[in-house]
C-alpha cells in the first residue's frame, strides 16, 4: 500500500494515522495506550517490543499493538526511518452507526 493510501484505509477501519520520522537509535520506551495502536513501517528499519515479543516488521507490514500493552519502538537502522502509527477511535462503532456521519 502506498503511503498516501494509508490514512484513508486506516480511517475506514476506525484508526487515526500520523506519519513519523526518527533518527537512527531513537527509542520510544514503555508507552501504554487505552486503545489499540497500528504501526506500519514506510522506510528504514524499526523494532517493536510488547507482550514478551520483539518484532522487526518489513516495509508495508502492519503491526497491531493491543490496548493496554506496554510497548517500545526503536529505530534499529543506520538511517532515518519513517513510519505510521494510529490509534483506534474509542467511539468507532458508534460513529459508523450514526446516520450521515463518516468515521474519522
PDB file of N, CA and C in Angstrom:
ATOM      1  N   UNK A   1       0.842  -1.179   0.000  1.00  0.00           N
ATOM      2  CA  UNK A   1       0.000   0.000   0.000  1.00  0.00           C
ATOM      3  C   UNK A   1       0.886   1.241   0.000  1.00  0.00           C
ATOM      4  N   UNK A   2       0.539   2.196  -0.831  1.00  0.00           N
ATOM      5  CA  UNK A   2       1.262   3.457  -0.914  1.00  0.00           C
ATOM      6  C   UNK A   2       1.012   4.285   0.350  1.00  0.00           C
ATOM      7  N   UNK A   3       2.009   5.066   0.740  1.00  0.00           N
ATOM      8  CA  UNK A   3       1.885   5.922   1.919  1.00  0.00           C
ATOM      9  C   UNK A   3       0.647   6.802   1.831  1.00  0.00           C
ATOM     10  N   UNK A   4       0.365   7.330   0.664  1.00  0.00           N
ATOM     11  CA  UNK A   4      -0.779   8.224   0.502  1.00  0.00           C
ATOM     12  C   UNK A   4      -2.120   7.525   0.743  1.00  0.00           C
ATOM     13  N   UNK A   5      -2.149   6.203   0.667  1.00  0.00           N
ATOM     14  CA  UNK A   5      -3.386   5.442   0.856  1.00  0.00           C
ATOM     15  C   UNK A   5      -3.620   5.025   2.312  1.00  0.00           C
ATOM     16  N   UNK A   6      -2.591   5.045   3.114  1.00  0.00           N
ATOM     17  CA  UNK A   6      -2.694   4.532   4.483  1.00  0.00           C
ATOM     18  C   UNK A   6      -3.690   5.318   5.335  1.00  0.00           C
ATOM     19  N   UNK A   7      -3.646   6.659   5.376  1.00  0.00           N
ATOM     20  CA  UNK A   7      -4.598   7.372   6.244  1.00  0.00           C
ATOM     21  C   UNK A   7      -6.062   7.030   5.955  1.00  0.00           C
ATOM     22  N   UNK A   8      -6.445   6.984   4.694  1.00  0.00           N
ATOM     23  CA  UNK A   8      -7.838   6.673   4.355  1.00  0.00           C
ATOM     24  C   UNK A   8      -8.179   5.221   4.702  1.00  0.00           C
ATOM     25  N   UNK A   9      -7.274   4.300   4.400  1.00  0.00           N
ATOM     26  CA  UNK A   9      -7.520   2.885   4.698  1.00  0.00           C
ATOM     27  C   UNK A   9      -7.679   2.673   6.201  1.00  0.00           C
ATOM     28  N   UNK A  10      -6.854   3.336   6.987  1.00  0.00           N
ATOM     29  CA  UNK A  10      -6.964   3.194   8.433  1.00  0.00           C
ATOM     30  C   UNK A  10      -8.229   3.866   8.960  1.00  0.00           C
ATOM     31  N   UNK A  11      -8.574   5.023   8.408  1.00  0.00           N
ATOM     32  CA  UNK A  11      -9.793   5.720   8.843  1.00  0.00           C
ATOM     33  C   UNK A  11     -11.014   4.839   8.617  1.00  0.00           C
ATOM     34  N   UNK A  12     -11.025   4.113   7.526  1.00  0.00           N
ATOM     35  CA  UNK A  12     -12.146   3.218   7.236  1.00  0.00           C
ATOM     36  C   UNK A  12     -12.248   2.084   8.256  1.00  0.00           C
ATOM     37  N   UNK A  13     -11.151   1.804   8.934  1.00  0.00           N
ATOM     38  CA  UNK A  13     -11.122   0.772   9.981  1.00  0.00           C
ATOM     39  C   UNK A  13     -11.213   1.371  11.383  1.00  0.00           C
ATOM     40  N   UNK A  14     -11.365   2.707  11.455  1.00  0.00           N
ATOM     41  CA  UNK A  14     -11.546   3.363  12.739  1.00  0.00           C
ATOM     42  C   UNK A  14     -10.274   3.798  13.431  1.00  0.00           C
ATOM     43  N   UNK A  15      -9.173   3.945  12.677  1.00  0.00           N
ATOM     44  CA  UNK A  15      -7.890   4.355  13.251  1.00  0.00           C
ATOM     45  C   UNK A  15      -7.471   5.720  12.733  1.00  0.00           C
ATOM     46  N   UNK A  16      -6.820   6.478  13.604  1.00  0.00           N
ATOM     47  CA  UNK A  16      -6.163   7.704  13.178  1.00  0.00           C
ATOM     48  C   UNK A  16      -4.888   7.304  12.437  1.00  0.00           C
ATOM     49  N   UNK A  17      -4.169   8.277  11.890  1.00  0.00           N
ATOM     50  CA  UNK A  17      -2.898   7.974  11.222  1.00  0.00           C
ATOM     51  C   UNK A  17      -1.987   9.189  11.302  1.00  0.00           C
ATOM     52  N   UNK A  18      -0.805   8.979  11.858  1.00  0.00           N
ATOM     53  CA  UNK A  18       0.231  10.002  11.922  1.00  0.00           C
ATOM     54  C   UNK A  18       1.477   9.434  11.255  1.00  0.00           C
ATOM     55  N   UNK A  19       2.116  10.225  10.412  1.00  0.00           N
ATOM     56  CA  UNK A  19       3.364   9.821   9.768  1.00  0.00           C
ATOM     57  C   UNK A  19       4.502  10.413  10.583  1.00  0.00           C
ATOM     58  N   UNK A  20       5.461   9.573  10.947  1.00  0.00           N
ATOM     59  CA  UNK A  20       6.510   9.976  11.881  1.00  0.00           C
ATOM     60  C   UNK A  20       7.874   9.615  11.311  1.00  0.00           C
ATOM     61  N   UNK A  21       8.903  10.370  11.681  1.00  0.00           N
ATOM     62  CA  UNK A  21      10.281  10.027  11.331  1.00  0.00           C
ATOM     63  C   UNK A  21      11.126  10.048  12.592  1.00  0.00           C
ATOM     64  N   UNK A  22      12.084   9.148  12.634  1.00  0.00           N
ATOM     65  CA  UNK A  22      13.011   9.055  13.765  1.00  0.00           C
ATOM     66  C   UNK A  22      14.432   8.925  13.261  1.00  0.00           C
ATOM     67  N   UNK A  23      15.382   9.551  13.951  1.00  0.00           N
ATOM     68  CA  UNK A  23      16.790   9.381  13.599  1.00  0.00           C
ATOM     69  C   UNK A  23      17.275   7.997  14.045  1.00  0.00           C
ATOM     70  N   UNK A  24      18.398   7.564  13.524  1.00  0.00           N
ATOM     71  CA  UNK A  24      18.955   6.277  13.957  1.00  0.00           C
ATOM     72  C   UNK A  24      19.121   6.243  15.476  1.00  0.00           C
ATOM     73  N   UNK A  25      18.755   5.115  16.065  1.00  0.00           N
ATOM     74  CA  UNK A  25      18.922   4.930  17.500  1.00  0.00           C
ATOM     75  C   UNK A  25      17.786   5.461  18.364  1.00  0.00           C
ATOM     76  N   UNK A  26      16.833   6.203  17.794  1.00  0.00           N
ATOM     77  CA  UNK A  26      15.721   6.749  18.588  1.00  0.00           C
ATOM     78  C   UNK A  26      14.931   5.618  19.250  1.00  0.00           C
ATOM     79  N   UNK A  27      14.634   5.788  20.534  1.00  0.00           N
ATOM     80  CA  UNK A  27      13.841   4.806  21.280  1.00  0.00           C
ATOM     81  C   UNK A  27      12.679   5.528  21.954  1.00  0.00           C
ATOM     82  N   UNK A  28      11.487   4.982  21.765  1.00  0.00           N
ATOM     83  CA  UNK A  28      10.286   5.429  22.476  1.00  0.00           C
ATOM     84  C   UNK A  28       9.928   4.276  23.399  1.00  0.00           C
ATOM     85  N   UNK A  29      10.196   4.422  24.693  1.00  0.00           N
ATOM     86  CA  UNK A  29      10.128   3.285  25.611  1.00  0.00           C
ATOM     87  C   UNK A  29       8.930   3.336  26.552  1.00  0.00           C
ATOM     88  N   UNK A  30       8.371   2.164  26.763  1.00  0.00           N
ATOM     89  CA  UNK A  30       7.364   1.918  27.804  1.00  0.00           C
ATOM     90  C   UNK A  30       6.095   2.763  27.674  1.00  0.00           C
ATOM     91  N   UNK A  31       5.551   2.820  26.483  1.00  0.00           N
ATOM     92  CA  UNK A  31       4.284   3.509  26.261  1.00  0.00           C
ATOM     93  C   UNK A  31       3.127   2.542  26.464  1.00  0.00           C
ATOM     94  N   UNK A  32       2.026   3.051  26.993  1.00  0.00           N
ATOM     95  CA  UNK A  32       0.795   2.278  27.162  1.00  0.00           C
ATOM     96  C   UNK A  32      -0.360   3.177  26.734  1.00  0.00           C
ATOM     97  N   UNK A  33      -1.271   2.622  25.930  1.00  0.00           N
ATOM     98  CA  UNK A  33      -2.433   3.378  25.469  1.00  0.00           C
ATOM     99  C   UNK A  33      -3.710   2.632  25.829  1.00  0.00           C
ATOM    100  N   UNK A  34      -4.789   3.359  25.994  1.00  0.00           N
ATOM    101  CA  UNK A  34      -6.088   2.772  26.343  1.00  0.00           C
ATOM    102  C   UNK A  34      -6.769   2.098  25.162  1.00  0.00           C
ATOM    103  N   UNK A  35      -6.246   2.320  23.970  1.00  0.00           N
ATOM    104  CA  UNK A  35      -6.853   1.783  22.752  1.00  0.00           C
ATOM    105  C   UNK A  35      -5.791   1.064  21.918  1.00  0.00           C
ATOM    106  N   UNK A  36      -6.243   0.229  20.968  1.00  0.00           N
ATOM    107  CA  UNK A  36      -5.319  -0.450  20.064  1.00  0.00           C
ATOM    108  C   UNK A  36      -4.541   0.571  19.247  1.00  0.00           C
ATOM    109  N   UNK A  37      -3.314   0.207  18.873  1.00  0.00           N
ATOM    110  CA  UNK A  37      -2.467   1.052  18.034  1.00  0.00           C
ATOM    111  C   UNK A  37      -1.983   0.241  16.836  1.00  0.00           C
ATOM    112  N   UNK A  38      -2.025   0.849  15.662  1.00  0.00           N
ATOM    113  CA  UNK A  38      -1.455   0.250  14.452  1.00  0.00           C
ATOM    114  C   UNK A  38      -0.135   0.934  14.148  1.00  0.00           C
ATOM    115  N   UNK A  39       0.830   0.153  13.657  1.00  0.00           N
ATOM    116  CA  UNK A  39       2.119   0.686  13.226  1.00  0.00           C
ATOM    117  C   UNK A  39       2.458   0.054  11.876  1.00  0.00           C
ATOM    118  N   UNK A  40       2.923   0.872  10.941  1.00  0.00           N
ATOM    119  CA  UNK A  40       3.401   0.375   9.651  1.00  0.00           C
ATOM    120  C   UNK A  40       4.688   1.108   9.298  1.00  0.00           C
ATOM    121  N   UNK A  41       5.715   0.349   8.971  1.00  0.00           N
ATOM    122  CA  UNK A  41       6.983   0.926   8.553  1.00  0.00           C
ATOM    123  C   UNK A  41       6.883   1.367   7.097  1.00  0.00           C
ATOM    124  N   UNK A  42       7.337   2.591   6.817  1.00  0.00           N
ATOM    125  CA  UNK A  42       7.291   3.135   5.469  1.00  0.00           C
ATOM    126  C   UNK A  42       8.678   3.083   4.823  1.00  0.00           C
ATOM    127  N   UNK A  43       9.711   3.427   5.592  1.00  0.00           N
ATOM    128  CA  UNK A  43      11.084   3.294   5.094  1.00  0.00           C
ATOM    129  C   UNK A  43      12.037   3.157   6.264  1.00  0.00           C
ATOM    130  N   UNK A  44      13.169   2.494   6.023  1.00  0.00           N
ATOM    131  CA  UNK A  44      14.156   2.267   7.068  1.00  0.00           C
ATOM    132  C   UNK A  44      13.899   0.969   7.814  1.00  0.00           C
ATOM    133  N   UNK A  45      14.238   0.983   9.094  1.00  0.00           N
ATOM    134  CA  UNK A  45      14.069  -0.195   9.941  1.00  0.00           C
ATOM    135  C   UNK A  45      13.420   0.221  11.259  1.00  0.00           C
ATOM    136  N   UNK A  46      12.737  -0.745  11.884  1.00  0.00           N
ATOM    137  CA  UNK A  46      12.071  -0.476  13.153  1.00  0.00           C
ATOM    138  C   UNK A  46      11.966  -1.776  13.941  1.00  0.00           C
ATOM    139  N   UNK A  47      11.994  -1.639  15.248  1.00  0.00           N
ATOM    140  CA  UNK A  47      11.799  -2.790  16.134  1.00  0.00           C
ATOM    141  C   UNK A  47      10.714  -2.427  17.142  1.00  0.00           C
ATOM    142  N   UNK A  48       9.757  -3.312  17.296  1.00  0.00           N
ATOM    143  CA  UNK A  48       8.651  -3.126  18.237  1.00  0.00           C
ATOM    144  C   UNK A  48       8.698  -4.238  19.270  1.00  0.00           C
ATOM    145  N   UNK A  49       8.636  -3.870  20.540  1.00  0.00           N
ATOM    146  CA  UNK A  49       8.640  -4.865  21.614  1.00  0.00           C
ATOM    147  C   UNK A  49       7.394  -4.682  22.462  1.00  0.00           C
ATOM    148  N   UNK A  50       6.628  -5.782  22.649  1.00  0.00           N
ATOM    149  CA  UNK A  50       5.446  -5.762  23.503  1.00  0.00           C
ATOM    150  C   UNK A  50       5.012  -7.194  23.771  1.00  0.00           C
ATOM    151  N   UNK A  51       4.404  -7.397  24.913  1.00  0.00           N
ATOM    152  CA  UNK A  51       3.861  -8.690  25.320  1.00  0.00           C
ATOM    153  C   UNK A  51       4.870  -9.829  25.164  1.00  0.00           C
ATOM    154  N   UNK A  52       6.115  -9.562  25.538  1.00  0.00           N
ATOM    155  CA  UNK A  52       7.139 -10.602  25.505  1.00  0.00           C
ATOM    156  C   UNK A  52       7.674 -10.953  24.130  1.00  0.00           C
ATOM    157  N   UNK A  53       7.333 -10.179  23.131  1.00  0.00           N
ATOM    158  CA  UNK A  53       7.831 -10.455  21.784  1.00  0.00           C
ATOM    159  C   UNK A  53       8.529  -9.231  21.216  1.00  0.00           C
ATOM    160  N   UNK A  54       9.463  -9.463  20.320  1.00  0.00           N
ATOM    161  CA  UNK A  54      10.151  -8.390  19.615  1.00  0.00           C
ATOM    162  C   UNK A  54       9.960  -8.635  18.130  1.00  0.00           C
ATOM    163  N   UNK A  55       9.421  -7.635  17.447  1.00  0.00           N
ATOM    164  CA  UNK A  55       9.129  -7.749  16.025  1.00  0.00           C
ATOM    165  C   UNK A  55       9.948  -6.740  15.242  1.00  0.00           C
ATOM    166  N   UNK A  56      10.364  -7.132  14.064  1.00  0.00           N
ATOM    167  CA  UNK A  56      11.065  -6.248  13.131  1.00  0.00           C
ATOM    168  C   UNK A  56      10.310  -6.303  11.798  1.00  0.00           C
ATOM    169  N   UNK A  57       9.209  -5.570  11.714  1.00  0.00           N
ATOM    170  CA  UNK A  57       8.393  -5.645  10.504  1.00  0.00           C
ATOM    171  C   UNK A  57       9.109  -5.083   9.280  1.00  0.00           C
ATOM    172  N   UNK A  58       8.759  -5.644   8.140  1.00  0.00           N
ATOM    173  CA  UNK A  58       9.273  -5.146   6.862  1.00  0.00           C
ATOM    174  C   UNK A  58       8.457  -3.934   6.436  1.00  0.00           C
ATOM    175  N   UNK A  59       8.964  -3.217   5.474  1.00  0.00           N
ATOM    176  CA  UNK A  59       8.246  -2.064   4.934  1.00  0.00           C
ATOM    177  C   UNK A  59       6.880  -2.521   4.440  1.00  0.00           C
ATOM    178  N   UNK A  60       5.843  -1.793   4.883  1.00  0.00           N
ATOM    179  CA  UNK A  60       4.477  -2.104   4.490  1.00  0.00           C
ATOM    180  C   UNK A  60       3.766  -3.106   5.372  1.00  0.00           C
ATOM    181  N   UNK A  61       4.485  -3.780   6.232  1.00  0.00           N
ATOM    182  CA  UNK A  61       3.879  -4.755   7.137  1.00  0.00           C
ATOM    183  C   UNK A  61       3.214  -4.017   8.301  1.00  0.00           C
ATOM    184  N   UNK A  62       2.012  -4.421   8.624  1.00  0.00           N
ATOM    185  CA  UNK A  62       1.234  -3.772   9.679  1.00  0.00           C
ATOM    186  C   UNK A  62       1.340  -4.569  10.980  1.00  0.00           C
ATOM    187  N   UNK A  63       1.510  -3.862  12.084  1.00  0.00           N
ATOM    188  CA  UNK A  63       1.572  -4.489  13.409  1.00  0.00           C
ATOM    189  C   UNK A  63       0.485  -3.850  14.279  1.00  0.00           C
ATOM    190  N   UNK A  64      -0.288  -4.683  14.961  1.00  0.00           N
ATOM    191  CA  UNK A  64      -1.306  -4.212  15.891  1.00  0.00           C
ATOM    192  C   UNK A  64      -0.779  -4.383  17.311  1.00  0.00           C
ATOM    193  N   UNK A  65      -0.725  -3.285  18.046  1.00  0.00           N
ATOM    194  CA  UNK A  65      -0.344  -3.326  19.460  1.00  0.00           C
ATOM    195  C   UNK A  65      -1.646  -3.205  20.251  1.00  0.00           C
ATOM    196  N   UNK A  66      -2.000  -4.249  21.006  1.00  0.00           N
ATOM    197  CA  UNK A  66      -3.285  -4.233  21.716  1.00  0.00           C
ATOM    198  C   UNK A  66      -3.357  -3.153  22.799  1.00  0.00           C
ATOM    199  N   UNK A  67      -4.555  -2.663  23.030  1.00  0.00           N
ATOM    200  CA  UNK A  67      -4.791  -1.702  24.106  1.00  0.00           C
ATOM    201  C   UNK A  67      -4.222  -2.265  25.410  1.00  0.00           C
ATOM    202  N   UNK A  68      -3.578  -1.404  26.185  1.00  0.00           N
ATOM    203  CA  UNK A  68      -3.037  -1.797  27.481  1.00  0.00           C
ATOM    204  C   UNK A  68      -1.677  -2.469  27.434  1.00  0.00           C
ATOM    205  N   UNK A  69      -1.153  -2.752  26.238  1.00  0.00           N
ATOM    206  CA  UNK A  69       0.153  -3.426  26.131  1.00  0.00           C
ATOM    207  C   UNK A  69       1.275  -2.395  26.235  1.00  0.00           C
ATOM    208  N   UNK A  70       2.146  -2.578  27.221  1.00  0.00           N
ATOM    209  CA  UNK A  70       3.323  -1.715  27.347  1.00  0.00           C
ATOM    210  C   UNK A  70       4.245  -2.041  26.176  1.00  0.00           C
ATOM    211  N   UNK A  71       4.681  -1.009  25.448  1.00  0.00           N
ATOM    212  CA  UNK A  71       5.466  -1.257  24.253  1.00  0.00           C
ATOM    213  C   UNK A  71       6.583  -0.238  24.065  1.00  0.00           C
ATOM    214  N   UNK A  72       7.583  -0.660  23.294  1.00  0.00           N
ATOM    215  CA  UNK A  72       8.736   0.171  22.973  1.00  0.00           C
ATOM    216  C   UNK A  72       8.958   0.108  21.467  1.00  0.00           C
ATOM    217  N   UNK A  73       9.277   1.263  20.883  1.00  0.00           N
ATOM    218  CA  UNK A  73       9.571   1.372  19.457  1.00  0.00           C
ATOM    219  C   UNK A  73      10.995   1.894  19.324  1.00  0.00           C
ATOM    220  N   UNK A  74      11.792   1.256  18.459  1.00  0.00           N
ATOM    221  CA  UNK A  74      13.206   1.588  18.356  1.00  0.00           C
ATOM    222  C   UNK A  74      13.618   1.610  16.880  1.00  0.00           C
ATOM    223  N   UNK A  75      14.247   2.692  16.458  1.00  0.00           N
ATOM    224  CA  UNK A  75      14.841   2.722  15.122  1.00  0.00           C
ATOM    225  C   UNK A  75      16.179   2.015  15.213  1.00  0.00           C
ATOM    226  N   UNK A  76      16.226   0.792  14.723  1.00  0.00           N
ATOM    227  CA  UNK A  76      17.439  -0.027  14.813  1.00  0.00           C
ATOM    228  C   UNK A  76      18.344   0.149  13.598  1.00  0.00           C
ATOM    229  N   UNK A  77      17.929   0.968  12.643  1.00  0.00           N
ATOM    230  CA  UNK A  77      18.696   1.152  11.416  1.00  0.00           C
ATOM    231  C   UNK A  77      19.779   2.205  11.539  1.00  0.00           C
ATOM    232  N   UNK A  78      20.597   2.278  10.490  1.00  0.00           N
ATOM    233  CA  UNK A  78      21.684   3.256  10.424  1.00  0.00           C
ATOM    234  C   UNK A  78      21.223   4.563   9.790  1.00  0.00           C
ATOM    235  N   UNK A  79      19.960   4.603   9.340  1.00  0.00           N
ATOM    236  CA  UNK A  79      19.421   5.800   8.701  1.00  0.00           C
ATOM    237  C   UNK A  79      18.103   6.183   9.359  1.00  0.00           C
ATOM    238  N   UNK A  80      17.632   7.383   9.022  1.00  0.00           N
ATOM    239  CA  UNK A  80      16.330   7.838   9.500  1.00  0.00           C
ATOM    240  C   UNK A  80      15.264   6.876   8.996  1.00  0.00           C
ATOM    241  N   UNK A  81      14.284   6.582   9.846  1.00  0.00           N
ATOM    242  CA  UNK A  81      13.161   5.771   9.390  1.00  0.00           C
ATOM    243  C   UNK A  81      11.912   6.639   9.311  1.00  0.00           C
ATOM    244  N   UNK A  82      10.911   6.112   8.624  1.00  0.00           N
ATOM    245  CA  UNK A  82       9.607   6.773   8.547  1.00  0.00           C
ATOM    246  C   UNK A  82       8.567   5.695   8.759  1.00  0.00           C
ATOM    247  N   UNK A  83       7.596   6.006   9.606  1.00  0.00           N
ATOM    248  CA  UNK A  83       6.573   5.016   9.937  1.00  0.00           C
ATOM    249  C   UNK A  83       5.268   5.703  10.276  1.00  0.00           C
ATOM    250  N   UNK A  84       4.203   4.953  10.169  1.00  0.00           N
ATOM    251  CA  UNK A  84       2.876   5.448  10.508  1.00  0.00           C
ATOM    252  C   UNK A  84       2.411   4.783  11.785  1.00  0.00           C
ATOM    253  N   UNK A  85       1.740   5.558  12.621  1.00  0.00           N
ATOM    254  CA  UNK A  85       1.075   4.981  13.784  1.00  0.00           C
ATOM    255  C   UNK A  85      -0.299   5.611  13.898  1.00  0.00           C
ATOM    256  N   UNK A  86      -1.211   4.857  14.456  1.00  0.00           N
ATOM    257  CA  UNK A  86      -2.563   5.361  14.631  1.00  0.00           C
ATOM    258  C   UNK A  86      -3.267   4.643  15.748  1.00  0.00           C
ATOM    259  N   UNK A  87      -4.244   5.319  16.320  1.00  0.00           N
ATOM    260  CA  UNK A  87      -4.986   4.779  17.459  1.00  0.00           C
ATOM    261  C   UNK A  87      -6.428   4.521  17.077  1.00  0.00           C
ATOM    262  N   UNK A  88      -6.965   3.441  17.595  1.00  0.00           N
ATOM    263  CA  UNK A  88      -8.363   3.096  17.354  1.00  0.00           C
ATOM    264  C   UNK A  88      -9.244   4.122  18.053  1.00  0.00           C
ATOM    265  N   UNK A  89     -10.191   4.681  17.329  1.00  0.00           N
ATOM    266  CA  UNK A  89     -11.130   5.615  17.935  1.00  0.00           C
ATOM    267  C   UNK A  89     -12.020   4.848  18.906  1.00  0.00           C
ATOM    268  N   UNK A  90     -12.106   5.320  20.119  1.00  0.00           N
ATOM    269  CA  UNK A  90     -12.921   4.644  21.137  1.00  0.00           C
ATOM    270  C   UNK A  90     -14.368   4.506  20.700  1.00  0.00           C
ATOM    271  N   UNK A  91     -14.881   5.519  20.018  1.00  0.00           N
ATOM    272  CA  UNK A  91     -16.292   5.526  19.648  1.00  0.00           C
ATOM    273  C   UNK A  91     -16.509   5.108  18.193  1.00  0.00           C
ATOM    274  N   UNK A  92     -15.571   4.361  17.615  1.00  0.00           N
ATOM    275  CA  UNK A  92     -15.658   3.985  16.208  1.00  0.00           C
ATOM    276  C   UNK A  92     -16.980   3.308  15.861  1.00  0.00           C
ATOM    277  N   UNK A  93     -17.400   2.330  16.630  1.00  0.00           N
ATOM    278  CA  UNK A  93     -18.641   1.620  16.315  1.00  0.00           C
ATOM    279  C   UNK A  93     -19.844   2.561  16.386  1.00  0.00           C
ATOM    280  N   UNK A  94     -19.833   3.493  17.319  1.00  0.00           N
ATOM    281  CA  UNK A  94     -20.926   4.460  17.410  1.00  0.00           C
ATOM    282  C   UNK A  94     -20.890   5.411  16.220  1.00  0.00           C
ATOM    283  N   UNK A  95     -19.697   5.820  15.807  1.00  0.00           N
ATOM    284  CA  UNK A  95     -19.568   6.754  14.694  1.00  0.00           C
ATOM    285  C   UNK A  95     -20.104   6.127  13.411  1.00  0.00           C
ATOM    286  N   UNK A  96     -19.707   4.888  13.111  1.00  0.00           N
ATOM    287  CA  UNK A  96     -20.129   4.311  11.836  1.00  0.00           C
ATOM    288  C   UNK A  96     -21.599   3.974  11.826  1.00  0.00           C
ATOM    289  N   UNK A  97     -22.221   3.888  12.991  1.00  0.00           N
ATOM    290  CA  UNK A  97     -23.650   3.608  13.040  1.00  0.00           C
ATOM    291  C   UNK A  97     -24.498   4.874  13.038  1.00  0.00           C
ATOM    292  N   UNK A  98     -23.879   6.014  13.284  1.00  0.00           N
ATOM    293  CA  UNK A  98     -24.624   7.270  13.321  1.00  0.00           C
ATOM    294  C   UNK A  98     -24.959   7.693  11.886  1.00  0.00           C
ATOM    295  N   UNK A  99     -26.240   7.897  11.591  1.00  0.00           N
ATOM    296  CA  UNK A  99     -26.642   8.283  10.230  1.00  0.00           C
ATOM    297  C   UNK A  99     -25.990   9.588   9.800  1.00  0.00           C
ATOM    298  N   UNK A 100     -25.507   9.597   8.558  1.00  0.00           N
ATOM    299  CA  UNK A 100     -24.946  10.815   7.993  1.00  0.00           C
ATOM    300  C   UNK A 100     -23.557  11.176   8.457  1.00  0.00           C
ATOM    301  N   UNK A 101     -22.899  10.317   9.229  1.00  0.00           N
ATOM    302  CA  UNK A 101     -21.561  10.636   9.713  1.00  0.00           C
ATOM    303  C   UNK A 101     -20.564   9.631   9.173  1.00  0.00           C
ATOM    304  N   UNK A 102     -19.405  10.130   8.793  1.00  0.00           N
ATOM    305  CA  UNK A 102     -18.308   9.289   8.336  1.00  0.00           C
ATOM    306  C   UNK A 102     -17.363   9.037   9.500  1.00  0.00           C
ATOM    307  N   UNK A 103     -16.708   7.884   9.536  1.00  0.00           N
ATOM    308  CA  UNK A 103     -15.698   7.663  10.587  1.00  0.00           C
ATOM    309  C   UNK A 103     -14.548   8.647  10.412  1.00  0.00           C
ATOM    310  N   UNK A 104     -13.956   9.053  11.530  1.00  0.00           N
ATOM    311  CA  UNK A 104     -12.812   9.945  11.483  1.00  0.00           C
ATOM    312  C   UNK A 104     -11.828   9.607  12.578  1.00  0.00           C
TER     313      UNK A 104
END
